[in-house]
C-alpha atoms as a PDB file:
ATOM      1  CA  MET A   1       0.027  -0.029  -0.017  1.00  0.00           C
ATOM      2  CA  PHE A   2       1.711   3.254  -1.144  1.00  0.00           C
ATOM      3  CA  VAL A   3       1.107   6.004   1.506  1.00  0.00           C
ATOM      4  CA  PHE A   4       1.303   9.732   1.266  1.00  0.00           C
ATOM      5  CA  ASP A   5       1.859  11.454   4.541  1.00  0.00           C
ATOM      6  CA  ALA A   6       0.726  15.099   4.460  1.00  0.00           C
ATOM      7  CA  HIS A   7       2.608  16.244   7.527  1.00  0.00           C
ATOM      8  CA  LEU A   8       5.927  15.237   9.022  1.00  0.00           C
ATOM      9  CA  ASP A   9       8.370  17.591  10.823  1.00  0.00           C
ATOM     10  CA  LEU A  10      11.549  15.995   9.379  1.00  0.00           C
ATOM     11  CA  ALA A  11      13.910  18.890   9.484  1.00  0.00           C
ATOM     12  CA  MET A  12      12.712  19.936  12.985  1.00  0.00           C
ATOM     13  CA  ASN A  13      13.654  16.436  14.245  1.00  0.00           C
ATOM     14  CA  ALA A  14      16.901  16.566  12.421  1.00  0.00           C
ATOM     15  CA  MET A  15      17.854  20.068  13.635  1.00  0.00           C
ATOM     16  CA  GLU A  16      16.238  20.492  17.069  1.00  0.00           C
ATOM     17  CA  TRP A  17      16.206  17.011  18.266  1.00  0.00           C
ATOM     18  CA  ASN A  18      19.561  16.141  16.717  1.00  0.00           C
ATOM     19  CA  ARG A  19      18.343  13.139  15.053  1.00  0.00           C
ATOM     20  CA  ASP A  20      20.084  11.486  12.001  1.00  0.00           C
ATOM     21  CA  LEU A  21      16.987  10.286  10.136  1.00  0.00           C
ATOM     22  CA  ARG A  22      19.097   8.207   7.912  1.00  0.00           C
ATOM     23  CA  LEU A  23      19.363   5.618  10.653  1.00  0.00           C
ATOM     24  CA  PRO A  24      16.942   2.946  11.563  1.00  0.00           C
ATOM     25  CA  VAL A  25      14.474   4.078  14.298  1.00  0.00           C
ATOM     26  CA  SER A  26      16.183   1.640  16.715  1.00  0.00           C
ATOM     27  CA  LYS A  27      19.533   3.211  16.285  1.00  0.00           C
ATOM     28  CA  ILE A  28      18.032   6.761  16.897  1.00  0.00           C
ATOM     29  CA  ARG A  29      16.450   5.291  20.188  1.00  0.00           C
ATOM     30  CA  GLU A  30      19.735   3.968  21.413  1.00  0.00           C
ATOM     31  CA  LYS A  31      21.453   7.320  20.846  1.00  0.00           C
ATOM     32  CA  GLU A  32      18.805   8.889  22.977  1.00  0.00           C
ATOM     33  CA  LYS A  33      19.066   6.617  26.048  1.00  0.00           C
ATOM     34  CA  GLY A  34      19.249   8.663  29.240  1.00  0.00           C
ATOM     35  CA  LEU A  35      18.181  11.945  27.515  1.00  0.00           C
ATOM     36  CA  ASN A  36      15.195  13.774  29.209  1.00  0.00           C
ATOM     37  CA  ASP A  37      15.599  17.341  27.602  1.00  0.00           C
ATOM     38  CA  LYS A  38      12.468  16.751  25.543  1.00  0.00           C
ATOM     39  CA  PRO A  39       9.299  14.659  25.915  1.00  0.00           C
ATOM     40  CA  GLY A  40       9.338  11.630  23.865  1.00  0.00           C
ATOM     41  CA  ARG A  41      13.041  11.040  23.937  1.00  0.00           C
ATOM     42  CA  GLY A  42      13.980   7.518  22.911  1.00  0.00           C
ATOM     43  CA  GLN A  43      10.448   6.859  21.757  1.00  0.00           C
ATOM     44  CA  ASN A  44      10.688   8.107  18.141  1.00  0.00           C
ATOM     45  CA  THR A  45       8.659   6.561  15.332  1.00  0.00           C
ATOM     46  CA  VAL A  46      10.164   8.255  12.255  1.00  0.00           C
ATOM     47  CA  SER A  47      13.143   7.844  10.059  1.00  0.00           C
ATOM     48  CA  LEU A  48      13.705   7.658   6.182  1.00  0.00           C
ATOM     49  CA  ASP A  49      14.506   4.009   6.640  1.00  0.00           C
ATOM     50  CA  ALA A  50      11.078   3.312   8.405  1.00  0.00           C
ATOM     51  CA  MET A  51       9.315   5.326   5.725  1.00  0.00           C
ATOM     52  CA  ARG A  52      10.735   3.184   3.017  1.00  0.00           C
ATOM     53  CA  LYS A  53       9.882  -0.024   4.809  1.00  0.00           C
ATOM     54  CA  GLY A  54       6.303   1.264   5.184  1.00  0.00           C
ATOM     55  CA  ASN A  55       6.128   2.296   1.516  1.00  0.00           C
ATOM     56  CA  ILE A  56       5.600   5.970   2.510  1.00  0.00           C
ATOM     57  CA  GLY A  57       7.187   7.300  -0.651  1.00  0.00           C
ATOM     58  CA  ILE A  58       5.859  11.043  -0.365  1.00  0.00           C
ATOM     59  CA  CYS A  59       5.307  13.301   2.372  1.00  0.00           C
ATOM     60  CA  VAL A  60       4.660  16.859   2.996  1.00  0.00           C
ATOM     61  CA  ALA A  61       7.674  18.018   5.057  1.00  0.00           C
ATOM     62  CA  THR A  62       7.748  21.059   7.071  1.00  0.00           C
ATOM     63  CA  GLN A  63       9.835  24.063   7.909  1.00  0.00           C
ATOM     64  CA  ILE A  64       8.778  25.517  11.299  1.00  0.00           C
ATOM     65  CA  ALA A  65      10.080  28.415  13.440  1.00  0.00           C
ATOM     66  CA  ARG A  66       7.770  30.497  15.514  1.00  0.00           C
ATOM     67  CA  TYR A  67       8.247  34.185  16.039  1.00  0.00           C
ATOM     68  CA  VAL A  68       6.996  35.258  19.537  1.00  0.00           C
ATOM     69  CA  LYS A  69       6.099  38.849  20.115  1.00  0.00           C
ATOM     70  CA  ASP A  70       6.445  40.344  23.801  1.00  0.00           C
ATOM     71  CA  LYS A  71       4.400  38.744  26.454  1.00  0.00           C
ATOM     72  CA  ASN A  72       3.721  35.658  24.234  1.00  0.00           C
ATOM     73  CA  PRO A  73       4.574  32.814  26.609  1.00  0.00           C
ATOM     74  CA  LEU A  74       5.060  30.253  23.879  1.00  0.00           C
ATOM     75  CA  PRO A  75       8.690  29.288  22.899  1.00  0.00           C
ATOM     76  CA  GLY A  76       9.977  30.847  19.761  1.00  0.00           C
ATOM     77  CA  TRP A  77      12.366  33.292  18.145  1.00  0.00           C
ATOM     78  CA  HIS A  78      12.327  37.035  19.158  1.00  0.00           C
ATOM     79  CA  SER A  79      12.287  38.461  15.741  1.00  0.00           C
ATOM     80  CA  PRO A  80      11.064  37.296  12.287  1.00  0.00           C
ATOM     81  CA  GLU A  81      14.570  37.496  10.983  1.00  0.00           C
ATOM     82  CA  GLN A  82      15.768  34.992  13.392  1.00  0.00           C
ATOM     83  CA  ALA A  83      12.708  32.686  12.544  1.00  0.00           C
ATOM     84  CA  TRP A  84      13.525  33.115   8.853  1.00  0.00           C
ATOM     85  CA  ALA A  85      16.953  32.144   9.455  1.00  0.00           C
ATOM     86  CA  GLN A  86      15.892  28.930  11.362  1.00  0.00           C
ATOM     87  CA  THR A  87      13.805  27.797   8.410  1.00  0.00           C
ATOM     88  CA  GLN A  88      16.835  28.254   6.238  1.00  0.00           C
ATOM     89  CA  GLY A  89      18.814  25.992   8.319  1.00  0.00           C
ATOM     90  CA  GLN A  90      16.001  23.406   7.989  1.00  0.00           C
ATOM     91  CA  LEU A  91      16.074  23.928   4.315  1.00  0.00           C
ATOM     92  CA  ALA A  92      19.710  23.254   4.105  1.00  0.00           C
ATOM     93  CA  TRP A  93      19.156  19.981   5.866  1.00  0.00           C
ATOM     94  CA  TYR A  94      16.712  18.959   3.192  1.00  0.00           C
ATOM     95  CA  ARG A  95      19.170  19.914   0.598  1.00  0.00           C
ATOM     96  CA  ALA A  96      21.789  17.814   2.250  1.00  0.00           C
ATOM     97  CA  MET A  97      19.552  14.930   2.239  1.00  0.00           C
ATOM     98  CA  GLU A  98      18.826  15.433  -1.588  1.00  0.00           C
ATOM     99  CA  ALA A  99      22.747  15.493  -2.267  1.00  0.00           C
ATOM    100  CA  GLN A 100      22.930  12.166  -0.438  1.00  0.00           C
ATOM    101  CA  GLY A 101      20.137  10.736  -2.422  1.00  0.00           C
ATOM    102  CA  GLU A 102      17.969  10.281   0.531  1.00  0.00           C
ATOM    103  CA  MET A 103      15.359  12.681  -0.340  1.00  0.00           C
ATOM    104  CA  VAL A 104      14.044  14.543  -3.545  1.00  0.00           C
ATOM    105  CA  GLN A 105      11.925  17.672  -3.596  1.00  0.00           C
ATOM    106  CA  ILE A 106       8.734  17.791  -5.589  1.00  0.00           C
ATOM    107  CA  GLN A 107       7.705  21.048  -6.843  1.00  0.00           C
ATOM    108  CA  ASP A 108       5.393  20.437  -9.766  1.00  0.00           C
ATOM    109  CA  LYS A 109       3.258  17.868 -11.744  1.00  0.00           C
ATOM    110  CA  GLU A 110       6.240  16.625 -13.743  1.00  0.00           C
ATOM    111  CA  GLY A 111       8.208  15.952 -10.719  1.00  0.00           C
ATOM    112  CA  LEU A 112       5.395  14.162  -8.945  1.00  0.00           C
ATOM    113  CA  GLU A 113       4.733  11.973 -12.006  1.00  0.00           C
ATOM    114  CA  LYS A 114       8.431  11.190 -12.265  1.00  0.00           C
ATOM    115  CA  HIS A 115       8.683  10.261  -8.531  1.00  0.00           C
ATOM    116  CA  LEU A 116       5.575   7.999  -8.696  1.00  0.00           C
ATOM    117  CA  THR A 117       6.943   6.076 -11.577  1.00  0.00           C
ATOM    118  CA  LEU A 118      10.188   5.394  -9.692  1.00  0.00           C
ATOM    119  CA  TRP A 119       8.339   4.078  -6.598  1.00  0.00           C
ATOM    120  CA  GLU A 120       6.149   2.005  -8.924  1.00  0.00           C
ATOM    121  CA  SER A 121       9.334   0.355 -10.420  1.00  0.00           C
ATOM    122  CA  LYS A 122      10.690  -2.865  -9.007  1.00  0.00           C
ATOM    123  CA  SER A 123      14.125  -1.469  -8.355  1.00  0.00           C
ATOM    124  CA  GLU A 124      15.916  -3.032  -5.535  1.00  0.00           C
ATOM    125  CA  THR A 125      17.954   0.041  -4.897  1.00  0.00           C
ATOM    126  CA  ALA A 126      16.725   2.324  -1.860  1.00  0.00           C
ATOM    127  CA  LYS A 127      14.386   4.903  -3.416  1.00  0.00           C
ATOM    128  CA  PRO A 128      14.562   8.478  -2.268  1.00  0.00           C
ATOM    129  CA  ILE A 129      11.577   9.847  -0.199  1.00  0.00           C
ATOM    130  CA  GLY A 130       9.714  12.478  -2.142  1.00  0.00           C
ATOM    131  CA  TYR A 131       8.919  15.597  -0.047  1.00  0.00           C
ATOM    132  CA  ILE A 132       6.876  18.678  -0.848  1.00  0.00           C
ATOM    133  CA  LEU A 133       8.058  21.590   1.254  1.00  0.00           C
ATOM    134  CA  SER A 134       5.490  23.324   3.598  1.00  0.00           C
ATOM    135  CA  LEU A 135       5.888  26.108   6.130  1.00  0.00           C
ATOM    136  CA  GLU A 136       3.982  25.525   9.365  1.00  0.00           C
ATOM    137  CA  GLY A 137       2.999  28.963  10.791  1.00  0.00           C
ATOM    138  CA  ALA A 138       3.937  31.945   8.551  1.00  0.00           C
ATOM    139  CA  ASP A 139       5.497  34.158  11.204  1.00  0.00           C
ATOM    140  CA  SER A 140       8.962  33.537   9.803  1.00  0.00           C
ATOM    141  CA  ILE A 141       7.826  35.192   6.435  1.00  0.00           C
ATOM    142  CA  ILE A 142       9.255  38.667   7.279  1.00  0.00           C
ATOM    143  CA  SER A 143       6.785  40.271   4.920  1.00  0.00           C
ATOM    144  CA  PRO A 144       4.445  38.936   2.305  1.00  0.00           C
ATOM    145  CA  ALA A 145       7.092  39.941  -0.275  1.00  0.00           C
ATOM    146  CA  TRP A 146       9.431  37.426   1.176  1.00  0.00           C
ATOM    147  CA  LEU A 147       6.953  34.526   0.312  1.00  0.00           C
ATOM    148  CA  GLU A 148       8.478  34.761  -3.320  1.00  0.00           C
ATOM    149  CA  LYS A 149      11.859  33.955  -1.938  1.00  0.00           C
ATOM    150  CA  ALA A 150      10.438  30.883  -0.154  1.00  0.00           C
ATOM    151  CA  PHE A 151       8.543  29.908  -3.273  1.00  0.00           C
ATOM    152  CA  GLU A 152      11.711  29.970  -5.230  1.00  0.00           C
ATOM    153  CA  ASN A 153      13.372  27.606  -2.758  1.00  0.00           C
ATOM    154  CA  GLY A 154      10.441  25.150  -3.514  1.00  0.00           C
ATOM    155  CA  LEU A 155       7.932  26.037  -1.003  1.00  0.00           C
ATOM    156  CA  ARG A 156       4.586  24.671  -2.096  1.00  0.00           C
ATOM    157  CA  ALA A 157       2.240  24.914   0.968  1.00  0.00           C
ATOM    158  CA  ILE A 158       1.885  27.148   3.842  1.00  0.00           C
ATOM    159  CA  GLY A 159      -0.071  27.414   7.111  1.00  0.00           C
ATOM    160  CA  PRO A 160      -0.688  30.990   8.209  1.00  0.00           C
ATOM    161  CA  ALA A 161      -0.748  30.122  11.828  1.00  0.00           C
ATOM    162  CA  HIS A 162       0.498  27.651  14.516  1.00  0.00           C
ATOM    163  CA  TYR A 163      -0.109  27.714  18.116  1.00  0.00           C
ATOM    164  CA  GLY A 164      -0.999  31.005  19.748  1.00  0.00           C
ATOM    165  CA  PRO A 165      -1.198  34.579  18.198  1.00  0.00           C
ATOM    166  CA  GLY A 166       0.460  35.323  14.969  1.00  0.00           C
ATOM    167  CA  THR A 167       1.444  37.971  12.577  1.00  0.00           C
ATOM    168  CA  TYR A 168      -0.873  36.823   9.707  1.00  0.00           C
ATOM    169  CA  ALA A 169      -3.489  34.729  11.503  1.00  0.00           C
ATOM    170  CA  GLN A 170      -4.402  33.687  14.921  1.00  0.00           C
ATOM    171  CA  GLY A 171      -3.690  30.023  15.692  1.00  0.00           C
ATOM    172  CA  THR A 172      -4.755  27.274  18.123  1.00  0.00           C
ATOM    173  CA  ASN A 173      -6.122  28.423  21.530  1.00  0.00           C
ATOM    174  CA  THR A 174      -6.563  31.943  20.480  1.00  0.00           C
ATOM    175  CA  LYS A 175      -9.303  33.998  18.889  1.00  0.00           C
ATOM    176  CA  GLY A 176      -9.340  36.755  16.398  1.00  0.00           C
ATOM    177  CA  GLY A 177      -9.061  37.370  12.530  1.00  0.00           C
ATOM    178  CA  ILE A 178      -6.354  37.786  10.031  1.00  0.00           C
ATOM    179  CA  GLY A 179      -6.070  41.446   9.739  1.00  0.00           C
ATOM    180  CA  GLN A 180      -4.701  43.656   6.860  1.00  0.00           C
ATOM    181  CA  LYS A 181      -1.339  41.631   6.986  1.00  0.00           C
ATOM    182  CA  GLY A 182      -3.209  38.310   6.730  1.00  0.00           C
ATOM    183  CA  LYS A 183      -5.197  39.507   3.647  1.00  0.00           C
ATOM    184  CA  GLU A 184      -1.953  40.685   1.996  1.00  0.00           C
ATOM    185  CA  LEU A 185      -0.274  37.319   2.632  1.00  0.00           C
ATOM    186  CA  LEU A 186      -3.355  35.437   1.208  1.00  0.00           C
ATOM    187  CA  LYS A 187      -3.185  37.660  -2.004  1.00  0.00           C
ATOM    188  CA  GLU A 188       0.569  36.641  -2.416  1.00  0.00           C
ATOM    189  CA  ILE A 189      -0.186  32.926  -1.763  1.00  0.00           C
ATOM    190  CA  GLU A 190      -2.873  32.879  -4.361  1.00  0.00           C
ATOM    191  CA  ARG A 191      -0.795  34.758  -6.907  1.00  0.00           C
ATOM    192  CA  LEU A 192       2.040  32.275  -6.571  1.00  0.00           C
ATOM    193  CA  GLY A 193      -0.263  29.309  -6.512  1.00  0.00           C
ATOM    194  CA  VAL A 194       1.001  27.975  -3.041  1.00  0.00           C
ATOM    195  CA  ILE A 195      -1.344  25.575  -1.365  1.00  0.00           C
ATOM    196  CA  LEU A 196      -3.029  27.168   1.673  1.00  0.00           C
ATOM    197  CA  ASP A 197      -2.936  24.888   4.687  1.00  0.00           C
ATOM    198  CA  VAL A 198      -5.823  25.698   7.062  1.00  0.00           C
ATOM    199  CA  THR A 199      -4.567  23.485   9.929  1.00  0.00           C
ATOM    200  CA  HIS A 200      -4.292  25.431  13.186  1.00  0.00           C
ATOM    201  CA  LEU A 201      -6.390  28.327  12.315  1.00  0.00           C
ATOM    202  CA  CYS A 202      -8.645  29.388  15.092  1.00  0.00           C
ATOM    203  CA  ASP A 203     -12.407  29.621  14.281  1.00  0.00           C
ATOM    204  CA  ASP A 204     -12.399  33.462  13.542  1.00  0.00           C
ATOM    205  CA  SER A 205      -9.388  33.217  11.290  1.00  0.00           C
ATOM    206  CA  PHE A 206     -10.469  30.109   9.639  1.00  0.00           C
ATOM    207  CA  TRP A 207     -13.678  31.779   8.445  1.00  0.00           C
ATOM    208  CA  GLU A 208     -12.190  35.130   7.558  1.00  0.00           C
ATOM    209  CA  THR A 209      -9.482  33.329   5.611  1.00  0.00           C
ATOM    210  CA  LEU A 210     -11.956  31.284   3.556  1.00  0.00           C
ATOM    211  CA  HIS A 211     -13.888  34.514   2.947  1.00  0.00           C
ATOM    212  CA  ASN A 212     -10.847  36.230   1.512  1.00  0.00           C
ATOM    213  CA  TYR A 213      -9.017  33.418  -0.394  1.00  0.00           C
ATOM    214  CA  ARG A 214     -10.183  31.467  -3.577  1.00  0.00           C
ATOM    215  CA  GLY A 215      -7.080  29.427  -4.222  1.00  0.00           C
ATOM    216  CA  PRO A 216      -6.365  25.704  -3.622  1.00  0.00           C
ATOM    217  CA  LEU A 217      -6.420  24.618   0.061  1.00  0.00           C
ATOM    218  CA  TRP A 218      -6.045  21.594   2.312  1.00  0.00           C
ATOM    219  CA  ALA A 219      -5.697  20.695   5.845  1.00  0.00           C
ATOM    220  CA  SER A 220      -2.606  18.714   6.324  1.00  0.00           C
ATOM    221  CA  HIS A 221      -3.191  17.391   9.853  1.00  0.00           C
ATOM    222  CA  SER A 222      -6.485  18.013  11.498  1.00  0.00           C
ATOM    223  CA  ASN A 223      -9.169  15.944  13.303  1.00  0.00           C
ATOM    224  CA  CYS A 224     -12.675  16.079  14.030  1.00  0.00           C
ATOM    225  CA  ARG A 225     -14.232  18.273  16.881  1.00  0.00           C
ATOM    226  CA  ALA A 226     -17.418  16.038  16.909  1.00  0.00           C
ATOM    227  CA  LEU A 227     -15.035  13.250  18.370  1.00  0.00           C
ATOM    228  CA  VAL A 228     -12.828  15.369  20.525  1.00  0.00           C
ATOM    229  CA  ASP A 229     -14.257  18.762  21.477  1.00  0.00           C
ATOM    230  CA  HIS A 230     -11.293  21.203  21.102  1.00  0.00           C
ATOM    231  CA  ASN A 231     -10.545  24.236  19.182  1.00  0.00           C
ATOM    232  CA  ARG A 232      -7.626  22.514  17.431  1.00  0.00           C
ATOM    233  CA  GLN A 233     -10.174  20.359  15.708  1.00  0.00           C
ATOM    234  CA  PHE A 234     -12.612  21.074  12.896  1.00  0.00           C
ATOM    235  CA  SER A 235     -16.262  21.340  13.574  1.00  0.00           C
ATOM    236  CA  ASP A 236     -18.591  19.583  11.211  1.00  0.00           C
ATOM    237  CA  GLU A 237     -19.576  22.985   9.836  1.00  0.00           C
ATOM    238  CA  GLN A 238     -15.957  23.657   9.004  1.00  0.00           C
ATOM    239  CA  ILE A 239     -15.451  20.121   7.505  1.00  0.00           C
ATOM    240  CA  LYS A 240     -18.542  20.716   5.225  1.00  0.00           C
ATOM    241  CA  GLU A 241     -17.073  24.122   4.041  1.00  0.00           C
ATOM    242  CA  LEU A 242     -13.761  22.453   3.185  1.00  0.00           C
ATOM    243  CA  LEU A 243     -15.700  19.704   1.297  1.00  0.00           C
ATOM    244  CA  LYS A 244     -17.375  22.425  -0.742  1.00  0.00           C
ATOM    245  CA  ARG A 245     -13.885  23.731  -1.590  1.00  0.00           C
ATOM    246  CA  ASP A 246     -12.647  20.352  -2.709  1.00  0.00           C
ATOM    247  CA  ALA A 247     -10.061  20.115   0.002  1.00  0.00           C
ATOM    248  CA  VAL A 248      -8.401  17.056   1.428  1.00  0.00           C
ATOM    249  CA  ILE A 249      -8.086  16.625   5.262  1.00  0.00           C
ATOM    250  CA  GLY A 250      -5.169  14.680   6.572  1.00  0.00           C
ATOM    251  CA  VAL A 251      -5.914  12.867   9.854  1.00  0.00           C
ATOM    252  CA  ALA A 252      -3.291  13.251  12.710  1.00  0.00           C
ATOM    253  CA  LEU A 253      -2.017  10.539  15.272  1.00  0.00           C
ATOM    254  CA  ASP A 254      -1.359  12.744  18.243  1.00  0.00           C
ATOM    255  CA  ALA A 255      -3.063  11.070  21.012  1.00  0.00           C
ATOM    256  CA  TRP A 256      -4.953  14.072  22.560  1.00  0.00           C
ATOM    257  CA  MET A 257      -6.471  14.903  19.058  1.00  0.00           C
ATOM    258  CA  MET A 258      -7.763  11.335  18.690  1.00  0.00           C
ATOM    259  CA  ILE A 259      -9.420  10.397  22.084  1.00  0.00           C
ATOM    260  CA  PRO A 260     -11.346  12.487  24.547  1.00  0.00           C
ATOM    261  CA  GLY A 261     -10.057  13.100  28.069  1.00  0.00           C
ATOM    262  CA  TRP A 262      -6.378  12.537  27.187  1.00  0.00           C
ATOM    263  CA  ILE A 263      -4.057  14.201  29.825  1.00  0.00           C
ATOM    264  CA  LYS A 264      -0.727  15.093  28.662  1.00  0.00           C
ATOM    265  CA  GLY A 265       2.048  13.681  30.674  1.00  0.00           C
ATOM    266  CA  LYS A 266      -0.204  11.394  32.623  1.00  0.00           C
ATOM    267  CA  SER A 267      -2.390   9.296  30.031  1.00  0.00           C
ATOM    268  CA  THR A 268      -0.664   6.372  28.147  1.00  0.00           C
ATOM    269  CA  PRO A 269      -1.749   4.689  24.975  1.00  0.00           C
ATOM    270  CA  GLU A 270      -1.987   1.410  26.722  1.00  0.00           C
ATOM    271  CA  GLY A 271      -3.885   2.906  29.747  1.00  0.00           C
ATOM    272  CA  GLU A 272      -6.439   4.630  27.421  1.00  0.00           C
ATOM    273  CA  GLY A 273      -6.727   1.909  24.826  1.00  0.00           C
ATOM    274  CA  LEU A 274      -5.694   4.084  22.101  1.00  0.00           C
ATOM    275  CA  THR A 275      -5.069   2.350  18.744  1.00  0.00           C
ATOM    276  CA  LEU A 276      -5.118   2.999  15.108  1.00  0.00           C
ATOM    277  CA  GLU A 277      -8.906   2.306  15.246  1.00  0.00           C
ATOM    278  CA  HIS A 278      -9.237   5.809  16.669  1.00  0.00           C
ATOM    279  CA  MET A 279      -7.637   7.329  13.657  1.00  0.00           C
ATOM    280  CA  VAL A 280      -9.927   5.368  11.539  1.00  0.00           C
ATOM    281  CA  ASN A 281     -12.932   6.835  13.483  1.00  0.00           C
ATOM    282  CA  HIS A 282     -11.958  10.256  12.454  1.00  0.00           C
ATOM    283  CA  ILE A 283     -11.270   9.162   8.856  1.00  0.00           C
ATOM    284  CA  ASP A 284     -14.851   7.716   8.925  1.00  0.00           C
ATOM    285  CA  HIS A 285     -16.320  10.751  10.275  1.00  0.00           C
ATOM    286  CA  ILE A 286     -14.889  12.840   7.309  1.00  0.00           C
ATOM    287  CA  CYS A 287     -16.113  10.338   4.850  1.00  0.00           C
ATOM    288  CA  GLN A 288     -19.559  10.113   6.404  1.00  0.00           C
ATOM    289  CA  LEU A 289     -19.995  13.774   6.048  1.00  0.00           C
ATOM    290  CA  ALA A 290     -18.660  13.765   2.527  1.00  0.00           C
ATOM    291  CA  GLY A 291     -20.672  10.761   1.518  1.00  0.00           C
ATOM    292  CA  ASN A 292     -17.552   9.356  -0.161  1.00  0.00           C
ATOM    293  CA  SER A 293     -13.923   8.551   0.370  1.00  0.00           C
ATOM    294  CA  LEU A 294     -12.451  11.414  -1.683  1.00  0.00           C
ATOM    295  CA  HIS A 295     -11.608  14.060   0.863  1.00  0.00           C
ATOM    296  CA  ALA A 296     -10.059  12.138   3.924  1.00  0.00           C
ATOM    297  CA  GLY A 297      -6.225  11.533   3.968  1.00  0.00           C
ATOM    298  CA  ILE A 298      -3.335  10.875   6.380  1.00  0.00           C
ATOM    299  CA  GLY A 299      -1.230  13.601   7.986  1.00  0.00           C
ATOM    300  CA  THR A 300       0.277  11.765  10.939  1.00  0.00           C
ATOM    301  CA  ASP A 301       2.369  14.492  12.561  1.00  0.00           C
ATOM    302  CA  LEU A 302       4.417  11.552  14.092  1.00  0.00           C
ATOM    303  CA  ASP A 303       7.308  12.769  16.128  1.00  0.00           C
ATOM    304  CA  GLY A 304       6.014  16.179  16.030  1.00  0.00           C
ATOM    305  CA  GLY A 305       7.183  16.989  19.483  1.00  0.00           C
ATOM    306  CA  PHE A 306       5.975  13.587  20.832  1.00  0.00           C
ATOM    307  CA  GLY A 307       6.761   9.989  20.282  1.00  0.00           C
ATOM    308  CA  LYS A 308       5.405   6.638  21.336  1.00  0.00           C
ATOM    309  CA  ASP A 309       4.232   8.115  24.557  1.00  0.00           C
ATOM    310  CA  GLN A 310       1.511  10.034  22.606  1.00  0.00           C
ATOM    311  CA  SER A 311       0.886   7.712  19.646  1.00  0.00           C
ATOM    312  CA  PRO A 312      -1.490   4.710  19.168  1.00  0.00           C
ATOM    313  CA  SER A 313      -0.147   1.670  20.977  1.00  0.00           C
ATOM    314  CA  ASP A 314      -0.125  -0.333  17.891  1.00  0.00           C
ATOM    315  CA  ILE A 315       2.425   2.082  16.276  1.00  0.00           C
ATOM    316  CA  ASP A 316       5.964   1.136  16.834  1.00  0.00           C
ATOM    317  CA  THR A 317       7.345   2.961  13.715  1.00  0.00           C
ATOM    318  CA  ILE A 318       5.632   4.897  10.926  1.00  0.00           C
ATOM    319  CA  ALA A 319       5.875   1.837   8.877  1.00  0.00           C
ATOM    320  CA  ASP A 320       2.768   0.393  10.788  1.00  0.00           C
ATOM    321  CA  LEU A 321       0.737   2.616   8.844  1.00  0.00           C
ATOM    322  CA  GLN A 322       0.242  -0.414   6.760  1.00  0.00           C
ATOM    323  CA  LYS A 323      -2.082  -1.727   9.515  1.00  0.00           C
ATOM    324  CA  LEU A 324      -4.623   0.766   8.279  1.00  0.00           C
ATOM    325  CA  GLU A 325      -5.554  -1.322   5.131  1.00  0.00           C
ATOM    326  CA  ILE A 326      -6.988  -4.257   7.283  1.00  0.00           C
ATOM    327  CA  LEU A 327      -8.664  -1.744   9.672  1.00  0.00           C
ATOM    328  CA  MET A 328     -10.432   0.130   6.918  1.00  0.00           C
ATOM    329  CA  SER A 329     -11.330  -2.972   5.101  1.00  0.00           C
ATOM    330  CA  ASN A 330     -12.979  -4.144   8.258  1.00  0.00           C
ATOM    331  CA  ARG A 331     -15.187  -1.076   8.387  1.00  0.00           C
ATOM    332  CA  GLY A 332     -16.443  -1.844   4.753  1.00  0.00           C
ATOM    333  CA  TYR A 333     -14.047   0.383   2.753  1.00  0.00           C
ATOM    334  CA  THR A 334     -13.200  -1.002  -0.573  1.00  0.00           C
ATOM    335  CA  PRO A 335      -9.660  -1.325  -1.958  1.00  0.00           C
ATOM    336  CA  GLN A 336     -10.186   1.908  -3.963  1.00  0.00           C
ATOM    337  CA  ASP A 337     -11.525   3.752  -0.695  1.00  0.00           C
ATOM    338  CA  VAL A 338      -8.360   2.604   0.952  1.00  0.00           C
ATOM    339  CA  ARG A 339      -6.166   3.791  -1.841  1.00  0.00           C
ATOM    340  CA  ASN A 340      -8.105   7.133  -1.872  1.00  0.00           C
ATOM    341  CA  ILE A 341      -7.479   7.717   1.760  1.00  0.00           C
ATOM    342  CA  THR A 342      -3.830   6.449   2.048  1.00  0.00           C
ATOM    343  CA  SER A 343      -2.523   8.353  -0.991  1.00  0.00           C
ATOM    344  CA  GLU A 344      -4.646   9.115  -3.982  1.00  0.00           C
ATOM    345  CA  ASN A 345      -6.849  11.858  -2.638  1.00  0.00           C
ATOM    346  CA  PHE A 346      -3.677  14.029  -1.983  1.00  0.00           C
ATOM    347  CA  LEU A 347      -2.083  13.118  -5.088  1.00  0.00           C
ATOM    348  CA  ARG A 348      -5.222  13.751  -7.217  1.00  0.00           C
ATOM    349  CA  PHE A 349      -5.308  17.219  -5.567  1.00  0.00           C
ATOM    350  CA  LEU A 350      -1.770  18.031  -6.355  1.00  0.00           C
ATOM    351  CA  MET A 351      -2.197  16.682 -10.088  1.00  0.00           C
ATOM    352  CA  HIS A 352      -5.242  18.950 -10.503  1.00  0.00           C
ATOM    353  CA  HIS A 353      -3.758  22.080  -9.097  1.00  0.00           C
ATOM    354  CA  TRP A 354      -0.283  21.820 -10.425  1.00  0.00           C
ATOM    355  CA  ALA A 355      -1.682  21.216 -13.923  1.00  0.00           C
END
């Protein structure tokens, strides 16, 4: 089963967590024995090796660097210029992986078709992981004019907000709209044909964004508020609006987004009975609202600041996404439905908008 993962913070793991993602997951865990500087140390699930083993041939890979204004308690950089520089360091890591033949950047339809042909071949050589470059939170864009610089470097998707208040939109756990700067950024996103990622937009910013933007959009890693009541999730009203816009919604694997009542630092996957079935619950909810399997996808966010401590208990590495095939089949999803959800919806979206 070929898998498209719409959200992985690969460069963050390499640069901030100091993980050599060319190694097997087990080797990375060995190197982190005894470390406790970050939650999830020694419990990682992602590496390029594990992605190959799980036939995860394409991902949306992020740059992420938050600019925090005065009185913002969240961690981040104290100027947008510093945040921009951090994203450029992350870009340099992706370029280094390309030079080693470990990854290849996909920027257009031609590159996507070429990469899919490679992964369909029966070559025994290790195939590079294809990645589409995305920016999670736009605060590192010094001004809307800087977006073109990012586009020239291959940026093809962008989320205006992350957690907390932002320059161009307000994110998770906040309120408020996008303001004039946000509207200017949306115009530039639309002009360049960059995909807008509506993940993390607070409700006010979500609706104002959709009112002001007419270009391609998706939600790379978002779950359903009907199943877990939190502002980080999409309400049914928001999901229905995204369906009208022909968006694809990637379902995430962060535990607290999958199951109600999760307490960070206390709850455990085993104790809460958290499994991939809960991911399928969110996928199924989107499909039921849509009346088909054409708008749900996978955006795991695995190792996005957490590890096995906050992932389904039946996930040891990202390669275990292959278990979804049986789980969805048991729910009555056809083989074509499964292909739609695990890869083809996002691929079809890109083929259409990059055409």
